[in-house]
Amino acid sequence: MSVFMVSFRIADRTTVIGSYEERYDSVNTAIQSLTTGMRWSETTSFHLIESDLNSAELATSIDRASLLDHGVDLLVCVNLSKKGYKVVGDNRDQDIDAIMAHR
């Protein structure tokens, strides 16, 4: 089991996939359902969770289980136990790859 940081941004508008509220709630529900251990979610759009998945599997599973709209929303899963991470969606800043390379 690994510890993950999961953070996301939901665009404040309705898309063909759903309203802001629907998409936001669906991502939180997906993260909660994929947690296999403890979960901490005291700050907005940020979770620390334990999971048996790797970062790519976790991000893909959250994506599939939610209404995340790749055109406007963004999700990042960072494995804090290992060096894996996965970004899904509307990422306009590629600095994350350079930053993660420094770990």
N, C-alpha and C. Protein backbone atom coordinates (compact mmCIF):
# COMPACT_ATOMS: atom_id res chain seq x y z
N MET A 1 0.85 -1.17 0.00
CA MET A 1 0.00 0.00 0.00
C MET A 1 0.89 1.23 0.00
N SER A 2 0.49 2.26 -0.75
CA SER A 2 1.23 3.51 -0.84
C SER A 2 0.37 4.67 -0.37
N VAL A 3 1.05 5.76 -0.04
CA VAL A 3 0.38 7.00 0.34
C VAL A 3 0.39 7.93 -0.87
N PHE A 4 -0.76 8.54 -1.15
CA PHE A 4 -0.91 9.42 -2.30
C PHE A 4 -1.44 10.78 -1.90
N MET A 5 -1.00 11.80 -2.63
CA MET A 5 -1.59 13.11 -2.60
C MET A 5 -2.43 13.19 -3.88
N VAL A 6 -3.70 13.50 -3.73
CA VAL A 6 -4.58 13.66 -4.88
C VAL A 6 -5.18 15.06 -4.81
N SER A 7 -4.97 15.83 -5.86
CA SER A 7 -5.49 17.18 -5.91
C SER A 7 -6.19 17.38 -7.25
N PHE A 8 -7.21 18.23 -7.26
CA PHE A 8 -7.91 18.46 -8.51
C PHE A 8 -8.49 19.86 -8.57
N ARG A 9 -8.74 20.30 -9.81
CA ARG A 9 -9.37 21.59 -10.08
C ARG A 9 -10.54 21.32 -11.00
N ILE A 10 -11.72 21.78 -10.60
CA ILE A 10 -12.91 21.66 -11.42
C ILE A 10 -13.26 23.05 -11.94
N ALA A 11 -13.39 23.20 -13.24
CA ALA A 11 -13.73 24.50 -13.83
C ALA A 11 -15.11 24.92 -13.36
N ASP A 12 -15.25 26.19 -13.03
CA ASP A 12 -16.50 26.72 -12.49
C ASP A 12 -17.49 27.03 -13.62
N ARG A 13 -17.91 25.96 -14.29
CA ARG A 13 -18.92 26.10 -15.34
C ARG A 13 -19.52 24.74 -15.65
N THR A 14 -20.68 24.78 -16.25
CA THR A 14 -21.35 23.56 -16.68
C THR A 14 -20.80 23.17 -18.05
N THR A 15 -20.49 21.89 -18.22
CA THR A 15 -20.05 21.38 -19.51
C THR A 15 -21.02 20.28 -19.94
N VAL A 16 -20.77 19.68 -21.08
CA VAL A 16 -21.63 18.59 -21.55
C VAL A 16 -21.56 17.39 -20.61
N ILE A 17 -20.54 17.32 -19.77
CA ILE A 17 -20.38 16.20 -18.84
C ILE A 17 -21.16 16.44 -17.55
N GLY A 18 -21.36 17.69 -17.17
CA GLY A 18 -22.13 17.98 -15.96
C GLY A 18 -21.83 19.35 -15.40
N SER A 19 -22.56 19.70 -14.36
CA SER A 19 -22.36 20.98 -13.68
C SER A 19 -21.10 20.92 -12.83
N TYR A 20 -20.66 22.07 -12.37
CA TYR A 20 -19.51 22.14 -11.46
C TYR A 20 -19.75 21.22 -10.27
N GLU A 21 -20.92 21.36 -9.64
CA GLU A 21 -21.23 20.58 -8.45
C GLU A 21 -21.23 19.08 -8.73
N GLU A 22 -21.81 18.68 -9.83
CA GLU A 22 -21.85 17.25 -10.19
C GLU A 22 -20.45 16.70 -10.41
N ARG A 23 -19.62 17.44 -11.14
CA ARG A 23 -18.27 16.98 -11.40
C ARG A 23 -17.43 16.96 -10.13
N TYR A 24 -17.54 18.02 -9.32
CA TYR A 24 -16.79 18.11 -8.07
C TYR A 24 -17.15 16.95 -7.14
N ASP A 25 -18.44 16.75 -6.93
CA ASP A 25 -18.90 15.67 -6.05
C ASP A 25 -18.47 14.30 -6.57
N SER A 26 -18.53 14.12 -7.89
CA SER A 26 -18.18 12.81 -8.46
C SER A 26 -16.69 12.49 -8.27
N VAL A 27 -15.82 13.49 -8.35
CA VAL A 27 -14.40 13.25 -8.14
C VAL A 27 -14.14 12.89 -6.67
N ASN A 28 -14.75 13.64 -5.75
CA ASN A 28 -14.59 13.32 -4.32
C ASN A 28 -15.10 11.92 -4.01
N THR A 29 -16.24 11.55 -4.56
CA THR A 29 -16.81 10.22 -4.34
C THR A 29 -15.89 9.14 -4.91
N ALA A 30 -15.35 9.38 -6.10
CA ALA A 30 -14.44 8.41 -6.72
C ALA A 30 -13.19 8.21 -5.88
N ILE A 31 -12.61 9.30 -5.38
CA ILE A 31 -11.42 9.20 -4.55
C ILE A 31 -11.74 8.40 -3.28
N GLN A 32 -12.85 8.72 -2.65
CA GLN A 32 -13.23 8.02 -1.43
C GLN A 32 -13.42 6.53 -1.70
N SER A 33 -14.04 6.19 -2.82
CA SER A 33 -14.31 4.77 -3.11
C SER A 33 -13.04 3.99 -3.45
N LEU A 34 -11.99 4.68 -3.90
CA LEU A 34 -10.74 4.02 -4.27
C LEU A 34 -9.71 3.99 -3.15
N THR A 35 -10.06 4.56 -2.01
CA THR A 35 -9.18 4.56 -0.86
C THR A 35 -9.24 3.19 -0.18
N THR A 36 -8.10 2.55 0.00
CA THR A 36 -8.08 1.23 0.62
C THR A 36 -7.57 1.27 2.06
N GLY A 37 -7.26 2.44 2.54
CA GLY A 37 -6.81 2.62 3.92
C GLY A 37 -7.39 3.91 4.46
N MET A 38 -6.57 4.66 5.14
CA MET A 38 -7.01 5.93 5.72
C MET A 38 -7.10 7.01 4.64
N ARG A 39 -7.89 8.06 4.97
CA ARG A 39 -8.05 9.20 4.05
C ARG A 39 -8.13 10.47 4.88
N TRP A 40 -7.44 11.51 4.42
CA TRP A 40 -7.52 12.84 5.03
C TRP A 40 -7.92 13.81 3.94
N SER A 41 -8.99 14.57 4.17
CA SER A 41 -9.49 15.48 3.13
C SER A 41 -10.01 16.78 3.74
N GLU A 42 -9.22 17.36 4.62
CA GLU A 42 -9.65 18.56 5.33
C GLU A 42 -9.55 19.84 4.50
N THR A 43 -8.73 19.85 3.46
CA THR A 43 -8.63 21.06 2.63
C THR A 43 -9.37 20.83 1.32
N THR A 44 -9.72 21.89 0.68
CA THR A 44 -10.53 21.84 -0.54
C THR A 44 -9.78 21.19 -1.70
N SER A 45 -10.41 20.22 -2.35
CA SER A 45 -9.91 19.58 -3.56
C SER A 45 -8.54 18.93 -3.36
N PHE A 46 -8.29 18.42 -2.17
CA PHE A 46 -7.01 17.81 -1.83
C PHE A 46 -7.28 16.63 -0.89
N HIS A 47 -6.70 15.49 -1.20
CA HIS A 47 -6.84 14.30 -0.36
C HIS A 47 -5.48 13.66 -0.16
N LEU A 48 -5.23 13.15 1.03
CA LEU A 48 -4.13 12.24 1.30
C LEU A 48 -4.79 10.90 1.56
N ILE A 49 -4.41 9.89 0.76
CA ILE A 49 -5.07 8.60 0.88
C ILE A 49 -4.05 7.48 0.83
N GLU A 50 -4.50 6.30 1.26
CA GLU A 50 -3.73 5.08 1.09
C GLU A 50 -4.44 4.26 0.03
N SER A 51 -3.65 3.67 -0.87
CA SER A 51 -4.22 2.86 -1.95
C SER A 51 -3.25 1.77 -2.35
N ASP A 52 -3.81 0.66 -2.84
CA ASP A 52 -3.00 -0.44 -3.36
C ASP A 52 -2.63 -0.24 -4.83
N LEU A 53 -3.19 0.80 -5.47
CA LEU A 53 -2.92 1.06 -6.88
C LEU A 53 -1.64 1.87 -7.04
N ASN A 54 -1.10 1.92 -8.27
CA ASN A 54 0.01 2.85 -8.53
C ASN A 54 -0.60 4.18 -8.97
N SER A 55 0.23 5.20 -9.18
CA SER A 55 -0.30 6.54 -9.47
C SER A 55 -1.09 6.58 -10.77
N ALA A 56 -0.63 5.91 -11.81
CA ALA A 56 -1.35 5.91 -13.09
C ALA A 56 -2.69 5.18 -12.95
N GLU A 57 -2.67 4.04 -12.27
CA GLU A 57 -3.91 3.28 -12.07
C GLU A 57 -4.91 4.07 -11.23
N LEU A 58 -4.43 4.75 -10.20
CA LEU A 58 -5.31 5.53 -9.35
C LEU A 58 -5.93 6.69 -10.12
N ALA A 59 -5.11 7.44 -10.85
CA ALA A 59 -5.62 8.56 -11.63
C ALA A 59 -6.63 8.09 -12.68
N THR A 60 -6.32 7.01 -13.36
CA THR A 60 -7.24 6.47 -14.38
C THR A 60 -8.53 5.99 -13.73
N SER A 61 -8.44 5.36 -12.58
CA SER A 61 -9.63 4.87 -11.90
C SER A 61 -10.52 6.01 -11.40
N ILE A 62 -9.91 7.05 -10.86
CA ILE A 62 -10.69 8.23 -10.45
C ILE A 62 -11.36 8.85 -11.66
N ASP A 63 -10.60 8.99 -12.73
CA ASP A 63 -11.13 9.56 -13.98
C ASP A 63 -12.34 8.77 -14.47
N ARG A 64 -12.21 7.46 -14.53
CA ARG A 64 -13.29 6.61 -15.03
C ARG A 64 -14.51 6.59 -14.12
N ALA A 65 -14.29 6.73 -12.81
CA ALA A 65 -15.39 6.66 -11.84
C ALA A 65 -16.05 8.02 -11.58
N SER A 66 -15.56 9.05 -12.26
CA SER A 66 -16.08 10.41 -12.01
C SER A 66 -16.54 11.06 -13.31
N LEU A 67 -16.97 12.30 -13.18
CA LEU A 67 -17.39 13.09 -14.34
C LEU A 67 -16.33 14.12 -14.71
N LEU A 68 -15.07 13.83 -14.44
CA LEU A 68 -13.98 14.73 -14.77
C LEU A 68 -14.01 15.06 -16.26
N ASP A 69 -13.99 16.35 -16.58
CA ASP A 69 -14.02 16.81 -17.98
C ASP A 69 -12.61 17.20 -18.38
N HIS A 70 -11.93 16.38 -19.19
CA HIS A 70 -10.54 16.61 -19.57
C HIS A 70 -10.32 17.95 -20.25
N GLY A 71 -11.35 18.51 -20.85
CA GLY A 71 -11.20 19.78 -21.55
C GLY A 71 -11.04 20.98 -20.64
N VAL A 72 -11.54 20.86 -19.38
CA VAL A 72 -11.51 22.01 -18.47
C VAL A 72 -11.07 21.68 -17.06
N ASP A 73 -11.12 20.42 -16.66
CA ASP A 73 -10.78 20.01 -15.30
C ASP A 73 -9.38 19.40 -15.25
N LEU A 74 -8.82 19.31 -14.05
CA LEU A 74 -7.46 18.80 -13.88
C LEU A 74 -7.38 17.96 -12.62
N LEU A 75 -6.66 16.85 -12.71
CA LEU A 75 -6.44 15.95 -11.58
C LEU A 75 -4.97 15.55 -11.56
N VAL A 76 -4.37 15.52 -10.37
CA VAL A 76 -3.01 15.02 -10.24
C VAL A 76 -2.95 14.07 -9.05
N CYS A 77 -2.32 12.92 -9.28
CA CYS A 77 -2.09 11.92 -8.24
C CYS A 77 -0.58 11.76 -8.09
N VAL A 78 -0.07 11.99 -6.89
CA VAL A 78 1.36 11.87 -6.62
C VAL A 78 1.55 10.79 -5.57
N ASN A 79 2.33 9.79 -5.93
CA ASN A 79 2.66 8.73 -4.99
C ASN A 79 3.76 9.25 -4.06
N LEU A 80 3.43 9.42 -2.80
CA LEU A 80 4.40 9.95 -1.83
C LEU A 80 5.32 8.86 -1.29
N SER A 81 4.97 7.61 -1.53
CA SER A 81 5.79 6.49 -1.07
C SER A 81 6.84 6.10 -2.10
N LYS A 82 6.56 6.43 -3.35
CA LYS A 82 7.48 6.13 -4.45
C LYS A 82 7.57 7.38 -5.32
N LYS A 83 8.14 7.28 -6.49
CA LYS A 83 8.31 8.48 -7.32
C LYS A 83 7.28 8.64 -8.42
N GLY A 84 6.20 7.87 -8.40
CA GLY A 84 5.21 7.96 -9.46
C GLY A 84 4.27 9.14 -9.31
N TYR A 85 3.77 9.61 -10.43
CA TYR A 85 2.72 10.63 -10.45
C TYR A 85 2.01 10.55 -11.79
N LYS A 86 0.79 11.07 -11.82
CA LYS A 86 0.02 11.07 -13.07
C LYS A 86 -0.87 12.31 -13.07
N VAL A 87 -0.87 13.01 -14.20
CA VAL A 87 -1.71 14.18 -14.42
C VAL A 87 -2.76 13.82 -15.46
N VAL A 88 -4.01 14.18 -15.19
CA VAL A 88 -5.10 13.91 -16.12
C VAL A 88 -5.87 15.21 -16.34
N GLY A 89 -6.13 15.55 -17.58
CA GLY A 89 -6.98 16.70 -17.88
C GLY A 89 -6.24 17.90 -18.42
N ASP A 90 -6.80 19.07 -18.13
CA ASP A 90 -6.39 20.34 -18.70
C ASP A 90 -5.18 20.92 -17.96
N ASN A 91 -3.99 20.40 -18.29
CA ASN A 91 -2.75 20.86 -17.67
C ASN A 91 -2.07 21.84 -18.60
N ARG A 92 -2.07 23.11 -18.24
CA ARG A 92 -1.47 24.15 -19.07
C ARG A 92 -0.04 24.48 -18.68
N ASP A 93 0.44 23.88 -17.59
CA ASP A 93 1.77 24.20 -17.07
C ASP A 93 2.59 22.93 -16.97
N GLN A 94 3.52 22.72 -17.88
CA GLN A 94 4.33 21.51 -17.92
C GLN A 94 5.46 21.50 -16.89
N ASP A 95 5.55 22.53 -16.05
CA ASP A 95 6.59 22.56 -15.02
C ASP A 95 6.49 21.39 -14.07
N ILE A 96 5.32 20.79 -13.96
CA ILE A 96 5.18 19.66 -13.03
C ILE A 96 6.17 18.54 -13.36
N ASP A 97 6.41 18.31 -14.65
CA ASP A 97 7.35 17.25 -15.04
C ASP A 97 8.77 17.58 -14.56
N ALA A 98 9.19 18.83 -14.70
CA ALA A 98 10.52 19.24 -14.26
C ALA A 98 10.62 19.20 -12.73
N ILE A 99 9.56 19.63 -12.06
CA ILE A 99 9.56 19.60 -10.60
C ILE A 99 9.62 18.16 -10.09
N MET A 100 8.83 17.29 -10.66
CA MET A 100 8.80 15.90 -10.22
C MET A 100 10.12 15.19 -10.52
N ALA A 101 10.84 15.63 -11.52
CA ALA A 101 12.14 15.03 -11.83
C ALA A 101 13.17 15.31 -10.73
N HIS A 102 12.94 16.32 -9.89
CA HIS A 102 13.85 16.67 -8.82
C HIS A 102 13.65 15.83 -7.56
N ARG A 103 12.63 14.99 -7.56
CA ARG A 103 12.38 14.16 -6.35
C ARG A 103 13.36 13.02 -6.28
